[in-house]
Amino acid sequence: MFKYHLAPLKEQDKLANGFLKTNEGRYLPIGICGVEIDDSQEIFAFEQDRLDEGLLKLEESREYIHINKLEEVTRFYMGDECFVATSVYGSRDAPQVQALRELRDNCLMKTPTGRAFVRAYYSGLGKLIARIIIDYTPFLIPLFQGEFDCLARRHLKKKNN
């Protein structure tokens, strides 16, 4: 988990696109961020309906918090890491890994089931699967590459149309 200080509402230029701007000028997808309230963590709802008022809806409580009242937000997922794809392609910068990151951010994070999958993946499941592939089943890497290649091509084709 990483903590970021948010830019004030008047500087939030990509809210309508689903991104929060930090003081450092970085953009974070709303659906993978949240806040700590009374020693518990609550993620922001992916579907926001009052962003034009500067209000962020919380996923579980369905309450709203004004952006200007937030000292910081927490990014609950390491959005730049794709453990399994990186272990399969040998590089976090492989074009297929980039496409799979985009698929995660632009497709999976838009549905409750997709967000649940991403949460489970980044809770440790992704690292575990990557370790199993590398240590015990490296002979399956070509199979994973074929499946990931298909997903990446399909995503890029859909994105470019």
C-alpha atoms as a PDB file:
ATOM      1  CA  MET A   1       0.000   0.000   0.000  1.00  0.00           C
ATOM      2  CA  PHE A   2       1.216   3.458  -0.859  1.00  0.00           C
ATOM      3  CA  LYS A   3      -0.014   6.767   0.511  1.00  0.00           C
ATOM      4  CA  TYR A   4      -0.403   9.921  -1.577  1.00  0.00           C
ATOM      5  CA  HIS A   5      -1.417  13.492  -0.843  1.00  0.00           C
ATOM      6  CA  LEU A   6      -4.202  14.643  -3.153  1.00  0.00           C
ATOM      7  CA  ALA A   7      -4.186  17.859  -5.120  1.00  0.00           C
ATOM      8  CA  PRO A   8      -7.101  20.162  -4.203  1.00  0.00           C
ATOM      9  CA  LEU A   9     -10.389  19.859  -6.073  1.00  0.00           C
ATOM     10  CA  LYS A  10      -9.670  22.824  -8.348  1.00  0.00           C
ATOM     11  CA  GLU A  11      -6.607  20.954  -9.723  1.00  0.00           C
ATOM     12  CA  GLN A  12      -8.429  17.629 -10.242  1.00  0.00           C
ATOM     13  CA  ASP A  13      -8.567  17.656 -14.045  1.00  0.00           C
ATOM     14  CA  LYS A  14      -9.224  13.936 -14.694  1.00  0.00           C
ATOM     15  CA  LEU A  15     -11.948  13.114 -12.169  1.00  0.00           C
ATOM     16  CA  ALA A  16     -14.488  12.562 -14.937  1.00  0.00           C
ATOM     17  CA  ASN A  17     -12.125   9.943 -16.404  1.00  0.00           C
ATOM     18  CA  GLY A  18     -11.869   8.134 -13.062  1.00  0.00           C
ATOM     19  CA  PHE A  19      -8.475   9.416 -11.884  1.00  0.00           C
ATOM     20  CA  LEU A  20      -7.344  11.319  -8.795  1.00  0.00           C
ATOM     21  CA  LYS A  21      -4.443  13.742  -9.132  1.00  0.00           C
ATOM     22  CA  THR A  22      -1.783  13.798  -6.414  1.00  0.00           C
ATOM     23  CA  ASN A  23       0.215  16.829  -5.292  1.00  0.00           C
ATOM     24  CA  GLU A  24       3.135  15.318  -7.197  1.00  0.00           C
ATOM     25  CA  GLY A  25       1.121  15.364 -10.444  1.00  0.00           C
ATOM     26  CA  ARG A  26       0.616  11.593 -10.592  1.00  0.00           C
ATOM     27  CA  TYR A  27      -2.783  10.140 -11.531  1.00  0.00           C
ATOM     28  CA  LEU A  28      -4.300   7.226  -9.617  1.00  0.00           C
ATOM     29  CA  PRO A  29      -7.354   5.199 -10.673  1.00  0.00           C
ATOM     30  CA  ILE A  30     -10.134   5.966  -8.181  1.00  0.00           C
ATOM     31  CA  GLY A  31     -11.206   2.307  -7.949  1.00  0.00           C
ATOM     32  CA  ILE A  32      -7.914   1.106  -6.466  1.00  0.00           C
ATOM     33  CA  CYS A  33      -7.599   3.884  -3.886  1.00  0.00           C
ATOM     34  CA  GLY A  34      -9.262   4.496  -0.583  1.00  0.00           C
ATOM     35  CA  VAL A  35      -8.869   5.956   2.879  1.00  0.00           C
ATOM     36  CA  GLU A  36      -8.180   4.792   6.397  1.00  0.00           C
ATOM     37  CA  ILE A  37     -11.073   5.522   8.728  1.00  0.00           C
ATOM     38  CA  ASP A  38     -10.926   4.587  12.418  1.00  0.00           C
ATOM     39  CA  ASP A  39      -8.136   2.017  11.923  1.00  0.00           C
ATOM     40  CA  SER A  40      -9.918   0.341   9.018  1.00  0.00           C
ATOM     41  CA  GLN A  41      -9.449   0.727   5.301  1.00  0.00           C
ATOM     42  CA  GLU A  42     -12.199   1.530   2.876  1.00  0.00           C
ATOM     43  CA  ILE A  43     -11.784   1.628  -0.880  1.00  0.00           C
ATOM     44  CA  PHE A  44     -13.516   4.178  -3.083  1.00  0.00           C
ATOM     45  CA  ALA A  45     -16.420   2.883  -5.147  1.00  0.00           C
ATOM     46  CA  PHE A  46     -15.536   2.490  -8.794  1.00  0.00           C
ATOM     47  CA  GLU A  47     -18.825   3.988  -9.899  1.00  0.00           C
ATOM     48  CA  GLN A  48     -18.811   7.565  -8.678  1.00  0.00           C
ATOM     49  CA  ASP A  49     -21.894   9.762  -9.071  1.00  0.00           C
ATOM     50  CA  ARG A  50     -20.975  13.049  -7.365  1.00  0.00           C
ATOM     51  CA  LEU A  51     -17.458  13.804  -8.604  1.00  0.00           C
ATOM     52  CA  ASP A  52     -18.670  17.093 -10.084  1.00  0.00           C
ATOM     53  CA  GLU A  53     -19.290  18.178  -6.474  1.00  0.00           C
ATOM     54  CA  GLY A  54     -15.871  16.950  -5.357  1.00  0.00           C
ATOM     55  CA  LEU A  55     -17.396  14.027  -3.458  1.00  0.00           C
ATOM     56  CA  LEU A  56     -15.894  10.534  -3.477  1.00  0.00           C
ATOM     57  CA  LYS A  57     -18.191   7.605  -2.632  1.00  0.00           C
ATOM     58  CA  LEU A  58     -16.872   4.828  -0.414  1.00  0.00           C
ATOM     59  CA  GLU A  59     -17.478   1.253  -1.603  1.00  0.00           C
ATOM     60  CA  GLU A  60     -18.841  -0.396   1.542  1.00  0.00           C
ATOM     61  CA  SER A  61     -20.445   2.378   3.589  1.00  0.00           C
ATOM     62  CA  ARG A  62     -21.677   4.230   0.455  1.00  0.00           C
ATOM     63  CA  GLU A  63     -20.883   7.480   2.300  1.00  0.00           C
ATOM     64  CA  TYR A  64     -19.219  10.450   0.607  1.00  0.00           C
ATOM     65  CA  ILE A  65     -16.035  12.322   1.468  1.00  0.00           C
ATOM     66  CA  HIS A  66     -15.091  15.685  -0.053  1.00  0.00           C
ATOM     67  CA  ILE A  67     -11.728  15.631  -1.823  1.00  0.00           C
ATOM     68  CA  ASN A  68     -10.557  18.780  -0.046  1.00  0.00           C
ATOM     69  CA  LYS A  69     -11.110  17.111   3.348  1.00  0.00           C
ATOM     70  CA  LEU A  70      -8.756  14.231   2.571  1.00  0.00           C
ATOM     71  CA  GLU A  71      -5.212  14.582   3.838  1.00  0.00           C
ATOM     72  CA  GLU A  72      -4.086  11.543   1.889  1.00  0.00           C
ATOM     73  CA  VAL A  73      -5.343   8.528   0.008  1.00  0.00           C
ATOM     74  CA  THR A  74      -3.977   5.021  -0.023  1.00  0.00           C
ATOM     75  CA  ARG A  75      -3.313   3.074  -3.184  1.00  0.00           C
ATOM     76  CA  PHE A  76      -4.185  -0.447  -2.159  1.00  0.00           C
ATOM     77  CA  TYR A  77      -2.697  -2.261  -5.136  1.00  0.00           C
ATOM     78  CA  MET A  78       0.750  -2.037  -6.629  1.00  0.00           C
ATOM     79  CA  GLY A  79      -0.606  -0.946  -9.965  1.00  0.00           C
ATOM     80  CA  ASP A  80       2.679  -1.218 -11.820  1.00  0.00           C
ATOM     81  CA  GLU A  81       3.260  -4.877 -10.964  1.00  0.00           C
ATOM     82  CA  CYS A  82       1.966  -7.849 -12.905  1.00  0.00           C
ATOM     83  CA  PHE A  83       3.693 -10.673 -11.079  1.00  0.00           C
ATOM     84  CA  VAL A  84       2.529 -13.614 -13.173  1.00  0.00           C
ATOM     85  CA  ALA A  85       2.941 -11.913 -16.555  1.00  0.00           C
ATOM     86  CA  THR A  86       6.377 -10.600 -15.541  1.00  0.00           C
ATOM     87  CA  SER A  87       7.473 -14.097 -14.504  1.00  0.00           C
ATOM     88  CA  VAL A  88       6.171 -15.512 -17.799  1.00  0.00           C
ATOM     89  CA  TYR A  89       7.765 -12.882 -20.080  1.00  0.00           C
ATOM     90  CA  GLY A  90      10.873 -12.263 -17.973  1.00  0.00           C
ATOM     91  CA  SER A  91      10.449  -8.475 -17.940  1.00  0.00           C
ATOM     92  CA  ARG A  92       7.969  -6.079 -16.405  1.00  0.00           C
ATOM     93  CA  ASP A  93       8.463  -3.894 -19.496  1.00  0.00           C
ATOM     94  CA  ALA A  94       7.433  -6.505 -22.075  1.00  0.00           C
ATOM     95  CA  PRO A  95       4.724  -5.125 -24.413  1.00  0.00           C
ATOM     96  CA  GLN A  96       2.381  -7.968 -23.430  1.00  0.00           C
ATOM     97  CA  VAL A  97       2.784  -7.069 -19.742  1.00  0.00           C
ATOM     98  CA  GLN A  98       1.945  -3.446 -20.569  1.00  0.00           C
ATOM     99  CA  ALA A  99      -1.190  -4.569 -22.429  1.00  0.00           C
ATOM    100  CA  LEU A 100      -2.242  -6.766 -19.500  1.00  0.00           C
ATOM    101  CA  ARG A 101      -1.794  -3.821 -17.100  1.00  0.00           C
ATOM    102  CA  GLU A 102      -4.078  -1.765 -19.328  1.00  0.00           C
ATOM    103  CA  LEU A 103      -6.585  -4.629 -19.405  1.00  0.00           C
ATOM    104  CA  ARG A 104      -6.568  -4.694 -15.595  1.00  0.00           C
ATOM    105  CA  ASP A 105      -6.963  -0.928 -15.220  1.00  0.00           C
ATOM    106  CA  ASN A 106      -9.457  -0.352 -18.040  1.00  0.00           C
ATOM    107  CA  CYS A 107     -11.570  -3.513 -17.909  1.00  0.00           C
ATOM    108  CA  LEU A 108     -11.233  -5.525 -14.700  1.00  0.00           C
ATOM    109  CA  MET A 109     -11.395  -2.476 -12.436  1.00  0.00           C
ATOM    110  CA  LYS A 110     -14.744  -1.468 -13.958  1.00  0.00           C
ATOM    111  CA  THR A 111     -16.740  -4.385 -12.548  1.00  0.00           C
ATOM    112  CA  PRO A 112     -17.275  -5.623  -8.977  1.00  0.00           C
ATOM    113  CA  THR A 113     -16.108  -9.128  -9.947  1.00  0.00           C
ATOM    114  CA  GLY A 114     -13.026  -7.730 -11.683  1.00  0.00           C
ATOM    115  CA  ARG A 115     -12.154  -5.565  -8.677  1.00  0.00           C
ATOM    116  CA  ALA A 116     -12.560  -8.553  -6.356  1.00  0.00           C
ATOM    117  CA  PHE A 117     -10.198 -10.548  -8.576  1.00  0.00           C
ATOM    118  CA  VAL A 118      -7.628  -7.725  -8.576  1.00  0.00           C
ATOM    119  CA  ARG A 119      -7.855  -7.398  -4.777  1.00  0.00           C
ATOM    120  CA  ALA A 120      -7.281 -11.135  -4.344  1.00  0.00           C
ATOM    121  CA  TYR A 121      -4.418 -11.088  -6.844  1.00  0.00           C
ATOM    122  CA  TYR A 122      -2.601  -8.253  -5.058  1.00  0.00           C
ATOM    123  CA  SER A 123      -3.266  -9.655  -1.594  1.00  0.00           C
ATOM    124  CA  GLY A 124      -0.520 -12.201  -2.301  1.00  0.00           C
ATOM    125  CA  LEU A 125      -2.104 -14.647  -4.727  1.00  0.00           C
ATOM    126  CA  GLY A 126      -0.299 -13.148  -7.747  1.00  0.00           C
ATOM    127  CA  LYS A 127       3.129 -13.411  -6.113  1.00  0.00           C
ATOM    128  CA  LEU A 128       2.396 -16.988  -5.050  1.00  0.00           C
ATOM    129  CA  ILE A 129       1.358 -18.037  -8.560  1.00  0.00           C
ATOM    130  CA  ALA A 130       4.422 -16.338 -10.060  1.00  0.00           C
ATOM    131  CA  ARG A 131       6.696 -18.154  -7.596  1.00  0.00           C
ATOM    132  CA  ILE A 132       5.063 -21.520  -8.395  1.00  0.00           C
ATOM    133  CA  ILE A 133       5.504 -20.934 -12.133  1.00  0.00           C
ATOM    134  CA  ILE A 134       9.166 -19.981 -11.772  1.00  0.00           C
ATOM    135  CA  ASP A 135      10.143 -22.617  -9.186  1.00  0.00           C
ATOM    136  CA  TYR A 136       7.995 -25.642  -9.995  1.00  0.00           C
ATOM    137  CA  THR A 137       6.386 -25.386 -13.422  1.00  0.00           C
ATOM    138  CA  PRO A 138       8.659 -23.452 -15.790  1.00  0.00           C
ATOM    139  CA  PHE A 139       7.662 -25.931 -18.527  1.00  0.00           C
ATOM    140  CA  LEU A 140       4.206 -24.250 -18.499  1.00  0.00           C
ATOM    141  CA  ILE A 141       5.591 -20.819 -19.409  1.00  0.00           C
ATOM    142  CA  PRO A 142       4.925 -21.271 -23.162  1.00  0.00           C
ATOM    143  CA  LEU A 143       1.305 -22.189 -22.348  1.00  0.00           C
ATOM    144  CA  PHE A 144       0.893 -19.045 -20.212  1.00  0.00           C
ATOM    145  CA  GLN A 145       2.582 -16.944 -22.903  1.00  0.00           C
ATOM    146  CA  GLY A 146       0.125 -18.218 -25.497  1.00  0.00           C
ATOM    147  CA  GLU A 147      -2.866 -17.388 -23.312  1.00  0.00           C
ATOM    148  CA  PHE A 148      -1.504 -13.989 -22.306  1.00  0.00           C
ATOM    149  CA  ASP A 149      -0.602 -13.187 -25.934  1.00  0.00           C
ATOM    150  CA  CYS A 150      -4.205 -13.894 -26.895  1.00  0.00           C
ATOM    151  CA  LEU A 151      -5.550 -11.671 -24.089  1.00  0.00           C
ATOM    152  CA  ALA A 152      -3.122  -8.879 -24.921  1.00  0.00           C
ATOM    153  CA  ARG A 153      -3.927  -8.986 -28.658  1.00  0.00           C
ATOM    154  CA  ARG A 154      -7.669  -8.999 -27.978  1.00  0.00           C
ATOM    155  CA  HIS A 155      -7.342  -6.058 -25.597  1.00  0.00           C
ATOM    156  CA  LEU A 156      -5.187  -4.036 -27.996  1.00  0.00           C
ATOM    157  CA  LYS A 157      -7.522  -4.773 -30.890  1.00  0.00           C
ATOM    158  CA  LYS A 158     -10.537  -3.633 -28.863  1.00  0.00           C
ATOM    159  CA  LYS A 159      -8.650  -0.550 -27.667  1.00  0.00           C
ATOM    160  CA  ASN A 160      -7.669   0.451 -31.212  1.00  0.00           C
ATOM    161  CA  ASN A 161     -11.188   0.047 -32.650  1.00  0.00           C
END
